Structure formats: C-alpha cells, structure tokens
Amino acid sequence: MCLKEALQLPYGFTCDLLELMPPKPNNQYPTGLEHLGVVISSGLE
C-alpha cells in the first residue's frame, strides 16, 4: 500500500509504502512489525 502522504520518521526518514502479509503457518510472532526494510541503494554490496 502506497501512502498518500509519507509517514515522517525520526532523523528525517520517511515511509511511503507498507507491506502486509499473513504470518507464516505455525509461527508465533510478537505483536508489531515482522521486519523493517532500509534502502541502502547502490552501496548495498
């Protein structure tokens, strides 16, 4: 889901897309995010 307005996060970061998926079968996750993604760009390697 692309957000109409990006979420403003601390330190000048923003989030303009949310990814939602069901939990893996037979997995118990604590409440909250399953993962957080950070874009490193061309410097990933």
ModelCIF file with pLDDT and N, C-alpha, C, O atoms, coordinates in Angstrom:
data_MODEL
#
_entry.id   MODEL 
#
_entity.id                         1 
_entity.type                       polymer 
_entity.pdbx_number_of_molecules   1 
#
_entity_poly.entity_id                      1 
_entity_poly.type                           'polypeptide(L)' 
_entity_poly.nstd_linkage                   no 
_entity_poly.nstd_monomer                   no 
_entity_poly.pdbx_seq_one_letter_code       MCLKEALQLPYGFTCDLLELMPPKPNNQYPTGLEHLGVVISSGLE 
_entity_poly.pdbx_seq_one_letter_code_can   MCLKEALQLPYGFTCDLLELMPPKPNNQYPTGLEHLGVVISSGLE 
_entity_poly.pdbx_strand_id                 A 
#
loop_
_entity_poly_seq.entity_id 
_entity_poly_seq.num 
_entity_poly_seq.mon_id 
_entity_poly_seq.hetero 
1 1  MET n 
1 2  CYS n 
1 3  LEU n 
1 4  LYS n 
1 5  GLU n 
1 6  ALA n 
1 7  LEU n 
1 8  GLN n 
1 9  LEU n 
1 10 PRO n 
1 11 TYR n 
1 12 GLY n 
1 13 PHE n 
1 14 THR n 
1 15 CYS n 
1 16 ASP n 
1 17 LEU n 
1 18 LEU n 
1 19 GLU n 
1 20 LEU n 
1 21 MET n 
1 22 PRO n 
1 23 PRO n 
1 24 LYS n 
1 25 PRO n 
1 26 ASN n 
1 27 ASN n 
1 28 GLN n 
1 29 TYR n 
1 30 PRO n 
1 31 THR n 
1 32 GLY n 
1 33 LEU n 
1 34 GLU n 
1 35 HIS n 
1 36 LEU n 
1 37 GLY n 
1 38 VAL n 
1 39 VAL n 
1 40 ILE n 
1 41 SER n 
1 42 SER n 
1 43 GLY n 
1 44 LEU n 
1 45 GLU n 
#
_struct_asym.id          A 
_struct_asym.entity_id   1 
#
loop_
_ma_qa_metric.id 
_ma_qa_metric.mode 
_ma_qa_metric.name 
_ma_qa_metric.software_group_id 
_ma_qa_metric.type 
1 global pLDDT . pLDDT 
2 local  pLDDT . pLDDT 
#
_ma_qa_metric_global.metric_id      1 
_ma_qa_metric_global.metric_value   83.69 
_ma_qa_metric_global.model_id       1 
_ma_qa_metric_global.ordinal_id     1 
#
loop_
_ma_qa_metric_local.label_asym_id 
_ma_qa_metric_local.label_comp_id 
_ma_qa_metric_local.label_seq_id 
_ma_qa_metric_local.metric_id 
_ma_qa_metric_local.metric_value 
_ma_qa_metric_local.model_id 
_ma_qa_metric_local.ordinal_id 
A MET 1  2 89.00 1 1  
A CYS 2  2 87.00 1 2  
A LEU 3  2 89.00 1 3  
A LYS 4  2 88.00 1 4  
A GLU 5  2 92.00 1 5  
A ALA 6  2 91.00 1 6  
A LEU 7  2 91.00 1 7  
A GLN 8  2 94.00 1 8  
A LEU 9  2 88.00 1 9  
A PRO 10 2 91.00 1 10 
A TYR 11 2 92.00 1 11 
A GLY 12 2 91.00 1 12 
A PHE 13 2 86.00 1 13 
A THR 14 2 87.00 1 14 
A CYS 15 2 87.00 1 15 
A ASP 16 2 87.00 1 16 
A LEU 17 2 86.00 1 17 
A LEU 18 2 88.00 1 18 
A GLU 19 2 86.00 1 19 
A LEU 20 2 84.00 1 20 
A MET 21 2 80.00 1 21 
A PRO 22 2 77.00 1 22 
A PRO 23 2 73.00 1 23 
A LYS 24 2 72.00 1 24 
A PRO 25 2 74.00 1 25 
A ASN 26 2 74.00 1 26 
A ASN 27 2 69.00 1 27 
A GLN 28 2 68.00 1 28 
A TYR 29 2 64.00 1 29 
A PRO 30 2 67.00 1 30 
A THR 31 2 71.00 1 31 
A GLY 32 2 71.00 1 32 
A LEU 33 2 74.00 1 33 
A GLU 34 2 76.00 1 34 
A HIS 35 2 81.00 1 35 
A LEU 36 2 86.00 1 36 
A GLY 37 2 89.00 1 37 
A VAL 38 2 91.00 1 38 
A VAL 39 2 92.00 1 39 
A ILE 40 2 91.00 1 40 
A SER 41 2 84.00 1 41 
A SER 42 2 86.00 1 42 
A GLY 43 2 92.00 1 43 
A LEU 44 2 95.00 1 44 
A GLU 45 2 95.00 1 45 
#
loop_
_atom_site.group_PDB 
_atom_site.id 
_atom_site.type_symbol 
_atom_site.label_atom_id 
_atom_site.label_alt_id 
_atom_site.label_comp_id 
_atom_site.label_asym_id 
_atom_site.label_entity_id 
_atom_site.label_seq_id 
_atom_site.pdbx_PDB_ins_code 
_atom_site.Cartn_x 
_atom_site.Cartn_y 
_atom_site.Cartn_z 
_atom_site.occupancy 
_atom_site.B_iso_or_equiv 
_atom_site.pdbx_formal_charge 
_atom_site.auth_seq_id 
_atom_site.auth_comp_id 
_atom_site.auth_asym_id 
_atom_site.auth_atom_id 
_atom_site.pdbx_PDB_model_num 
ATOM 1   N N  . MET A 1 1  ? 0.820  -1.191  0.000  1.00 89.00 ? 1  MET A N  1 
ATOM 2   C CA . MET A 1 1  ? 0.000  0.000   0.000  1.00 89.00 ? 1  MET A CA 1 
ATOM 3   C C  . MET A 1 1  ? 0.859  1.248   0.000  1.00 89.00 ? 1  MET A C  1 
ATOM 4   O O  . MET A 1 1  ? 1.617  1.497   0.937  1.00 89.00 ? 1  MET A O  1 
ATOM 5   N N  . CYS A 1 2  ? 0.729  2.039   -1.077 1.00 87.00 ? 2  CYS A N  1 
ATOM 6   C CA . CYS A 1 2  ? 1.409  3.335   -1.142 1.00 87.00 ? 2  CYS A CA 1 
ATOM 7   C C  . CYS A 1 2  ? 0.568  4.327   -0.345 1.00 87.00 ? 2  CYS A C  1 
ATOM 8   O O  . CYS A 1 2  ? -0.647 4.414   -0.517 1.00 87.00 ? 2  CYS A O  1 
ATOM 9   N N  . LEU A 1 3  ? 1.219  5.047   0.501  1.00 89.00 ? 3  LEU A N  1 
ATOM 10  C CA . LEU A 1 3  ? 0.515  6.030   1.319  1.00 89.00 ? 3  LEU A CA 1 
ATOM 11  C C  . LEU A 1 3  ? 0.386  7.349   0.559  1.00 89.00 ? 3  LEU A C  1 
ATOM 12  O O  . LEU A 1 3  ? 1.311  7.752   -0.147 1.00 89.00 ? 3  LEU A O  1 
ATOM 13  N N  . LYS A 1 4  ? -0.754 8.021   0.699  1.00 88.00 ? 4  LYS A N  1 
ATOM 14  C CA . LYS A 1 4  ? -0.941 9.320   0.049  1.00 88.00 ? 4  LYS A CA 1 
ATOM 15  C C  . LYS A 1 4  ? 0.057  10.328  0.584  1.00 88.00 ? 4  LYS A C  1 
ATOM 16  O O  . LYS A 1 4  ? 0.558  11.174  -0.157 1.00 88.00 ? 4  LYS A O  1 
ATOM 17  N N  . GLU A 1 5  ? 0.343  10.235  1.871  1.00 92.00 ? 5  GLU A N  1 
ATOM 18  C CA . GLU A 1 5  ? 1.353  11.086  2.499  1.00 92.00 ? 5  GLU A CA 1 
ATOM 19  C C  . GLU A 1 5  ? 2.312  10.186  3.254  1.00 92.00 ? 5  GLU A C  1 
ATOM 20  O O  . GLU A 1 5  ? 1.888  9.351   4.052  1.00 92.00 ? 5  GLU A O  1 
ATOM 21  N N  . ALA A 1 6  ? 3.599  10.352  3.007  1.00 91.00 ? 6  ALA A N  1 
ATOM 22  C CA . ALA A 1 6  ? 4.612  9.524   3.665  1.00 91.00 ? 6  ALA A CA 1 
ATOM 23  C C  . ALA A 1 6  ? 4.592  9.754   5.170  1.00 91.00 ? 6  ALA A C  1 
ATOM 24  O O  . ALA A 1 6  ? 4.370  10.867  5.645  1.00 91.00 ? 6  ALA A O  1 
ATOM 25  N N  . LEU A 1 7  ? 4.829  8.675   5.905  1.00 91.00 ? 7  LEU A N  1 
ATOM 26  C CA . LEU A 1 7  ? 4.989  8.795   7.356  1.00 91.00 ? 7  LEU A CA 1 
ATOM 27  C C  . LEU A 1 7  ? 6.320  9.472   7.634  1.00 91.00 ? 7  LEU A C  1 
ATOM 28  O O  . LEU A 1 7  ? 7.343  9.087   7.068  1.00 91.00 ? 7  LEU A O  1 
ATOM 29  N N  . GLN A 1 8  ? 6.314  10.461  8.485  1.00 94.00 ? 8  GLN A N  1 
ATOM 30  C CA . GLN A 1 8  ? 7.543  11.158  8.862  1.00 94.00 ? 8  GLN A CA 1 
ATOM 31  C C  . GLN A 1 8  ? 8.140  10.446  10.063 1.00 94.00 ? 8  GLN A C  1 
ATOM 32  O O  . GLN A 1 8  ? 7.502  10.349  11.111 1.00 94.00 ? 8  GLN A O  1 
ATOM 33  N N  . LEU A 1 9  ? 9.344  9.954   9.916  1.00 88.00 ? 9  LEU A N  1 
ATOM 34  C CA . LEU A 1 9  ? 10.031 9.200   10.952 1.00 88.00 ? 9  LEU A CA 1 
ATOM 35  C C  . LEU A 1 9  ? 11.162 10.036  11.536 1.00 88.00 ? 9  LEU A C  1 
ATOM 36  O O  . LEU A 1 9  ? 11.558 11.039  10.941 1.00 88.00 ? 9  LEU A O  1 
ATOM 37  N N  . PRO A 1 10 ? 11.685 9.641   12.687 1.00 91.00 ? 10 PRO A N  1 
ATOM 38  C CA . PRO A 1 10 ? 12.798 10.392  13.278 1.00 91.00 ? 10 PRO A CA 1 
ATOM 39  C C  . PRO A 1 10 ? 14.004 10.469  12.336 1.00 91.00 ? 10 PRO A C  1 
ATOM 40  O O  . PRO A 1 10 ? 14.154 9.644   11.435 1.00 91.00 ? 10 PRO A O  1 
ATOM 41  N N  . TYR A 1 11 ? 14.838 11.450  12.554 1.00 92.00 ? 11 TYR A N  1 
ATOM 42  C CA . TYR A 1 11 ? 16.098 11.655  11.832 1.00 92.00 ? 11 TYR A CA 1 
ATOM 43  C C  . TYR A 1 11 ? 15.904 11.918  10.343 1.00 92.00 ? 11 TYR A C  1 
ATOM 44  O O  . TYR A 1 11 ? 16.810 11.662  9.549  1.00 92.00 ? 11 TYR A O  1 
ATOM 45  N N  . GLY A 1 12 ? 14.738 12.426  9.955  1.00 91.00 ? 12 GLY A N  1 
ATOM 46  C CA . GLY A 1 12 ? 14.495 12.792  8.570  1.00 91.00 ? 12 GLY A CA 1 
ATOM 47  C C  . GLY A 1 12 ? 14.112 11.652  7.644  1.00 91.00 ? 12 GLY A C  1 
ATOM 48  O O  . GLY A 1 12 ? 14.011 11.857  6.434  1.00 91.00 ? 12 GLY A O  1 
ATOM 49  N N  . PHE A 1 13 ? 13.897 10.454  8.180  1.00 86.00 ? 13 PHE A N  1 
ATOM 50  C CA . PHE A 1 13 ? 13.499 9.323   7.348  1.00 86.00 ? 13 PHE A CA 1 
ATOM 51  C C  . PHE A 1 13 ? 11.998 9.360   7.110  1.00 86.00 ? 13 PHE A C  1 
ATOM 52  O O  . PHE A 1 13 ? 11.247 9.928   7.903  1.00 86.00 ? 13 PHE A O  1 
ATOM 53  N N  . THR A 1 14 ? 11.568 8.748   6.009  1.00 87.00 ? 14 THR A N  1 
ATOM 54  C CA . THR A 1 14 ? 10.141 8.668   5.689  1.00 87.00 ? 14 THR A CA 1 
ATOM 55  C C  . THR A 1 14 ? 9.789  7.243   5.270  1.00 87.00 ? 14 THR A C  1 
ATOM 56  O O  . THR A 1 14 ? 10.662 6.453   4.909  1.00 87.00 ? 14 THR A O  1 
ATOM 57  N N  . CYS A 1 15 ? 8.505  6.932   5.326  1.00 87.00 ? 15 CYS A N  1 
ATOM 58  C CA . CYS A 1 15 ? 7.993  5.643   4.869  1.00 87.00 ? 15 CYS A CA 1 
ATOM 59  C C  . CYS A 1 15 ? 6.756  5.930   4.032  1.00 87.00 ? 15 CYS A C  1 
ATOM 60  O O  . CYS A 1 15 ? 5.779  6.490   4.530  1.00 87.00 ? 15 CYS A O  1 
ATOM 61  N N  . ASP A 1 16 ? 6.797  5.538   2.733  1.00 87.00 ? 16 ASP A N  1 
ATOM 62  C CA . ASP A 1 16 ? 5.652  5.804   1.866  1.00 87.00 ? 16 ASP A CA 1 
ATOM 63  C C  . ASP A 1 16 ? 4.990  4.537   1.339  1.00 87.00 ? 16 ASP A C  1 
ATOM 64  O O  . ASP A 1 16 ? 4.087  4.608   0.505  1.00 87.00 ? 16 ASP A O  1 
ATOM 65  N N  . LEU A 1 17 ? 5.440  3.361   1.829  1.00 86.00 ? 17 LEU A N  1 
ATOM 66  C CA . LEU A 1 17 ? 4.860  2.106   1.390  1.00 86.00 ? 17 LEU A CA 1 
ATOM 67  C C  . LEU A 1 17 ? 4.811  1.127   2.554  1.00 86.00 ? 17 LEU A C  1 
ATOM 68  O O  . LEU A 1 17 ? 5.786  0.978   3.289  1.00 86.00 ? 17 LEU A O  1 
ATOM 69  N N  . LEU A 1 18 ? 3.671  0.459   2.719  1.00 88.00 ? 18 LEU A N  1 
ATOM 70  C CA . LEU A 1 18 ? 3.525  -0.577  3.735  1.00 88.00 ? 18 LEU A CA 1 
ATOM 71  C C  . LEU A 1 18 ? 3.326  -1.917  3.038  1.00 88.00 ? 18 LEU A C  1 
ATOM 72  O O  . LEU A 1 18 ? 2.620  -2.009  2.033  1.00 88.00 ? 18 LEU A O  1 
ATOM 73  N N  . GLU A 1 19 ? 3.950  -2.943  3.579  1.00 86.00 ? 19 GLU A N  1 
ATOM 74  C CA . GLU A 1 19 ? 3.833  -4.302  3.050  1.00 86.00 ? 19 GLU A CA 1 
ATOM 75  C C  . GLU A 1 19 ? 3.133  -5.133  4.115  1.00 86.00 ? 19 GLU A C  1 
ATOM 76  O O  . GLU A 1 19 ? 3.609  -5.227  5.246  1.00 86.00 ? 19 GLU A O  1 
ATOM 77  N N  . LEU A 1 20 ? 2.008  -5.732  3.757  1.00 84.00 ? 20 LEU A N  1 
ATOM 78  C CA . LEU A 1 20 ? 1.259  -6.556  4.712  1.00 84.00 ? 20 LEU A CA 1 
ATOM 79  C C  . LEU A 1 20 ? 1.157  -7.973  4.185  1.00 84.00 ? 20 LEU A C  1 
ATOM 80  O O  . LEU A 1 20 ? 0.782  -8.198  3.035  1.00 84.00 ? 20 LEU A O  1 
ATOM 81  N N  . MET A 1 21 ? 1.497  -8.927  5.044  1.00 80.00 ? 21 MET A N  1 
ATOM 82  C CA . MET A 1 21 ? 1.378  -10.331 4.679  1.00 80.00 ? 21 MET A CA 1 
ATOM 83  C C  . MET A 1 21 ? 0.972  -11.139 5.897  1.00 80.00 ? 21 MET A C  1 
ATOM 84  O O  . MET A 1 21 ? 1.284  -10.761 7.027  1.00 80.00 ? 21 MET A O  1 
ATOM 85  N N  . PRO A 1 22 ? 0.277  -12.249 5.677  1.00 77.00 ? 22 PRO A N  1 
ATOM 86  C CA . PRO A 1 22 ? -0.115 -13.074 6.822  1.00 77.00 ? 22 PRO A CA 1 
ATOM 87  C C  . PRO A 1 22 ? 1.118  -13.750 7.424  1.00 77.00 ? 22 PRO A C  1 
ATOM 88  O O  . PRO A 1 22 ? 2.114  -13.951 6.729  1.00 77.00 ? 22 PRO A O  1 
ATOM 89  N N  . PRO A 1 23 ? 1.057  -14.098 8.696  1.00 73.00 ? 23 PRO A N  1 
ATOM 90  C CA . PRO A 1 23 ? 2.195  -14.792 9.312  1.00 73.00 ? 23 PRO A CA 1 
ATOM 91  C C  . PRO A 1 23 ? 2.407  -16.162 8.678  1.00 73.00 ? 23 PRO A C  1 
ATOM 92  O O  . PRO A 1 23 ? 1.482  -16.764 8.132  1.00 73.00 ? 23 PRO A O  1 
ATOM 93  N N  . LYS A 1 24 ? 3.635  -16.634 8.764  1.00 72.00 ? 24 LYS A N  1 
ATOM 94  C CA . LYS A 1 24 ? 3.936  -17.984 8.273  1.00 72.00 ? 24 LYS A CA 1 
ATOM 95  C C  . LYS A 1 24 ? 3.145  -18.982 9.103  1.00 72.00 ? 24 LYS A C  1 
ATOM 96  O O  . LYS A 1 24 ? 2.963  -18.784 10.304 1.00 72.00 ? 24 LYS A O  1 
ATOM 97  N N  . PRO A 1 25 ? 2.669  -20.062 8.466  1.00 74.00 ? 25 PRO A N  1 
ATOM 98  C CA . PRO A 1 25 ? 1.922  -21.074 9.220  1.00 74.00 ? 25 PRO A CA 1 
ATOM 99  C C  . PRO A 1 25 ? 2.763  -21.619 10.387 1.00 74.00 ? 25 PRO A C  1 
ATOM 100 O O  . PRO A 1 25 ? 3.975  -21.802 10.265 1.00 74.00 ? 25 PRO A O  1 
ATOM 101 N N  . ASN A 1 26 ? 2.109  -21.867 11.489 1.00 74.00 ? 26 ASN A N  1 
ATOM 102 C CA . ASN A 1 26 ? 2.751  -22.429 12.683 1.00 74.00 ? 26 ASN A CA 1 
ATOM 103 C C  . ASN A 1 26 ? 3.858  -21.554 13.262 1.00 74.00 ? 26 ASN A C  1 
ATOM 104 O O  . ASN A 1 26 ? 4.750  -22.054 13.947 1.00 74.00 ? 26 ASN A O  1 
ATOM 105 N N  . ASN A 1 27 ? 3.804  -20.263 12.992 1.00 69.00 ? 27 ASN A N  1 
ATOM 106 C CA . ASN A 1 27 ? 4.783  -19.332 13.558 1.00 69.00 ? 27 ASN A CA 1 
ATOM 107 C C  . ASN A 1 27 ? 4.064  -18.341 14.460 1.00 69.00 ? 27 ASN A C  1 
ATOM 108 O O  . ASN A 1 27 ? 3.040  -17.774 14.077 1.00 69.00 ? 27 ASN A O  1 
ATOM 109 N N  . GLN A 1 28 ? 4.585  -18.138 15.624 1.00 68.00 ? 28 GLN A N  1 
ATOM 110 C CA . GLN A 1 28 ? 4.033  -17.156 16.543 1.00 68.00 ? 28 GLN A CA 1 
ATOM 111 C C  . GLN A 1 28 ? 4.955  -15.939 16.552 1.00 68.00 ? 28 GLN A C  1 
ATOM 112 O O  . GLN A 1 28 ? 6.114  -16.037 16.957 1.00 68.00 ? 28 GLN A O  1 
ATOM 113 N N  . TYR A 1 29 ? 4.453  -14.820 16.116 1.00 64.00 ? 29 TYR A N  1 
ATOM 114 C CA . TYR A 1 29 ? 5.229  -13.589 16.116 1.00 64.00 ? 29 TYR A CA 1 
ATOM 115 C C  . TYR A 1 29 ? 4.742  -12.687 17.236 1.00 64.00 ? 29 TYR A C  1 
ATOM 116 O O  . TYR A 1 29 ? 3.547  -12.652 17.529 1.00 64.00 ? 29 TYR A O  1 
ATOM 117 N N  . PRO A 1 30 ? 5.653  -11.960 17.862 1.00 67.00 ? 30 PRO A N  1 
ATOM 118 C CA . PRO A 1 30 ? 5.202  -10.943 18.811 1.00 67.00 ? 30 PRO A CA 1 
ATOM 119 C C  . PRO A 1 30 ? 4.462  -9.846  18.047 1.00 67.00 ? 30 PRO A C  1 
ATOM 120 O O  . PRO A 1 30 ? 4.643  -9.705  16.838 1.00 67.00 ? 30 PRO A O  1 
ATOM 121 N N  . THR A 1 31 ? 3.647  -9.086  18.729 1.00 71.00 ? 31 THR A N  1 
ATOM 122 C CA . THR A 1 31 ? 2.906  -8.000  18.116 1.00 71.00 ? 31 THR A CA 1 
ATOM 123 C C  . THR A 1 31 ? 3.873  -6.991  17.513 1.00 71.00 ? 31 THR A C  1 
ATOM 124 O O  . THR A 1 31 ? 4.937  -6.716  18.067 1.00 71.00 ? 31 THR A O  1 
ATOM 125 N N  . GLY A 1 32 ? 3.484  -6.454  16.380 1.00 71.00 ? 32 GLY A N  1 
ATOM 126 C CA . GLY A 1 32 ? 4.299  -5.416  15.742 1.00 71.00 ? 32 GLY A CA 1 
ATOM 127 C C  . GLY A 1 32 ? 4.802  -5.844  14.384 1.00 71.00 ? 32 GLY A C  1 
ATOM 128 O O  . GLY A 1 32 ? 4.285  -6.783  13.779 1.00 71.00 ? 32 GLY A O  1 
ATOM 129 N N  . LEU A 1 33 ? 5.805  -5.153  13.917 1.00 74.00 ? 33 LEU A N  1 
ATOM 130 C CA . LEU A 1 33 ? 6.362  -5.394  12.595 1.00 74.00 ? 33 LEU A CA 1 
ATOM 131 C C  . LEU A 1 33 ? 7.061  -6.750  12.514 1.00 74.00 ? 33 LEU A C  1 
ATOM 132 O O  . LEU A 1 33 ? 7.712  -7.179  13.467 1.00 74.00 ? 33 LEU A O  1 
ATOM 133 N N  . GLU A 1 34 ? 6.921  -7.417  11.377 1.00 76.00 ? 34 GLU A N  1 
ATOM 134 C CA . GLU A 1 34 ? 7.687  -8.637  11.134 1.00 76.00 ? 34 GLU A CA 1 
ATOM 135 C C  . GLU A 1 34 ? 9.116  -8.272  10.741 1.00 76.00 ? 34 GLU A C  1 
ATOM 136 O O  . GLU A 1 34 ? 10.077 -8.902  11.182 1.00 76.00 ? 34 GLU A O  1 
ATOM 137 N N  . HIS A 1 35 ? 9.236  -7.242  9.904  1.00 81.00 ? 35 HIS A N  1 
ATOM 138 C CA . HIS A 1 35 ? 10.563 -6.756  9.547  1.00 81.00 ? 35 HIS A CA 1 
ATOM 139 C C  . HIS A 1 35 ? 10.495 -5.286  9.167  1.00 81.00 ? 35 HIS A C  1 
ATOM 140 O O  . HIS A 1 35 ? 9.432  -4.743  8.867  1.00 81.00 ? 35 HIS A O  1 
ATOM 141 N N  . LEU A 1 36 ? 11.645 -4.672  9.189  1.00 86.00 ? 36 LEU A N  1 
ATOM 142 C CA . LEU A 1 36 ? 11.806 -3.284  8.768  1.00 86.00 ? 36 LEU A CA 1 
ATOM 143 C C  . LEU A 1 36 ? 12.776 -3.286  7.611  1.00 86.00 ? 36 LEU A C  1 
ATOM 144 O O  . LEU A 1 36 ? 13.829 -3.919  7.696  1.00 86.00 ? 36 LEU A O  1 
ATOM 145 N N  . GLY A 1 37 ? 12.453 -2.600  6.533  1.00 89.00 ? 37 GLY A N  1 
ATOM 146 C CA . GLY A 1 37 ? 13.329 -2.530  5.374  1.00 89.00 ? 37 GLY A CA 1 
ATOM 147 C C  . GLY A 1 37 ? 14.013 -1.183  5.291  1.00 89.00 ? 37 GLY A C  1 
ATOM 148 O O  . GLY A 1 37 ? 13.386 -0.142  5.489  1.00 89.00 ? 37 GLY A O  1 
ATOM 149 N N  . VAL A 1 38 ? 15.302 -1.208  4.997  1.00 91.00 ? 38 VAL A N  1 
ATOM 150 C CA . VAL A 1 38 ? 16.096 0.009   4.848  1.00 91.00 ? 38 VAL A CA 1 
ATOM 151 C C  . VAL A 1 38 ? 16.743 -0.030  3.467  1.00 91.00 ? 38 VAL A C  1 
ATOM 152 O O  . VAL A 1 38 ? 17.390 -1.015  3.113  1.00 91.00 ? 38 VAL A O  1 
ATOM 153 N N  . VAL A 1 39 ? 16.570 1.045   2.680  1.00 92.00 ? 39 VAL A N  1 
ATOM 154 C CA . VAL A 1 39 ? 17.153 1.105   1.349  1.00 92.00 ? 39 VAL A CA 1 
ATOM 155 C C  . VAL A 1 39 ? 18.554 1.704   1.444  1.00 92.00 ? 39 VAL A C  1 
ATOM 156 O O  . VAL A 1 39 ? 18.732 2.834   1.899  1.00 92.00 ? 39 VAL A O  1 
ATOM 157 N N  . ILE A 1 40 ? 19.545 0.924   1.006  1.00 91.00 ? 40 ILE A N  1 
ATOM 158 C CA . ILE A 1 40 ? 20.940 1.354   1.014  1.00 91.00 ? 40 ILE A CA 1 
ATOM 159 C C  . ILE A 1 40 ? 21.331 1.888   -0.359 1.00 91.00 ? 40 ILE A C  1 
ATOM 160 O O  . ILE A 1 40 ? 22.341 2.584   -0.469 1.00 91.00 ? 40 ILE A O  1 
ATOM 161 N N  . SER A 1 41 ? 20.582 1.594   -1.393 1.00 84.00 ? 41 SER A N  1 
ATOM 162 C CA . SER A 1 41 ? 20.817 1.983   -2.788 1.00 84.00 ? 41 SER A CA 1 
ATOM 163 C C  . SER A 1 41 ? 22.010 1.257   -3.371 1.00 84.00 ? 41 SER A C  1 
ATOM 164 O O  . SER A 1 41 ? 22.251 0.088   -3.071 1.00 84.00 ? 41 SER A O  1 
ATOM 165 N N  . SER A 1 42 ? 22.761 1.972   -4.217 1.00 86.00 ? 42 SER A N  1 
ATOM 166 C CA . SER A 1 42 ? 23.856 1.337   -4.964 1.00 86.00 ? 42 SER A CA 1 
ATOM 167 C C  . SER A 1 42 ? 24.990 0.874   -4.060 1.00 86.00 ? 42 SER A C  1 
ATOM 168 O O  . SER A 1 42 ? 25.857 0.122   -4.507 1.00 86.00 ? 42 SER A O  1 
ATOM 169 N N  . GLY A 1 43 ? 25.006 1.296   -2.820 1.00 92.00 ? 43 GLY A N  1 
ATOM 170 C CA . GLY A 1 43 ? 26.051 0.891   -1.890 1.00 92.00 ? 43 GLY A CA 1 
ATOM 171 C C  . GLY A 1 43 ? 25.772 -0.401  -1.147 1.00 92.00 ? 43 GLY A C  1 
ATOM 172 O O  . GLY A 1 43 ? 26.465 -0.708  -0.177 1.00 92.00 ? 43 GLY A O  1 
ATOM 173 N N  . LEU A 1 44 ? 24.776 -1.170  -1.573 1.00 95.00 ? 44 LEU A N  1 
ATOM 174 C CA . LEU A 1 44 ? 24.391 -2.372  -0.832 1.00 95.00 ? 44 LEU A CA 1 
ATOM 175 C C  . LEU A 1 44 ? 25.518 -3.393  -0.752 1.00 95.00 ? 44 LEU A C  1 
ATOM 176 O O  . LEU A 1 44 ? 25.750 -3.958  0.316  1.00 95.00 ? 44 LEU A O  1 
ATOM 177 N N  . GLU A 1 45 ? 26.214 -3.640  -1.832 1.00 95.00 ? 45 GLU A N  1 
ATOM 178 C CA . GLU A 1 45 ? 27.277 -4.657  -1.816 1.00 95.00 ? 45 GLU A CA 1 
ATOM 179 C C  . GLU A 1 45 ? 28.410 -4.250  -0.884 1.00 95.00 ? 45 GLU A C  1 
ATOM 180 O O  . GLU A 1 45 ? 29.389 -4.983  -0.745 1.00 95.00 ? 45 GLU A O  1 
#
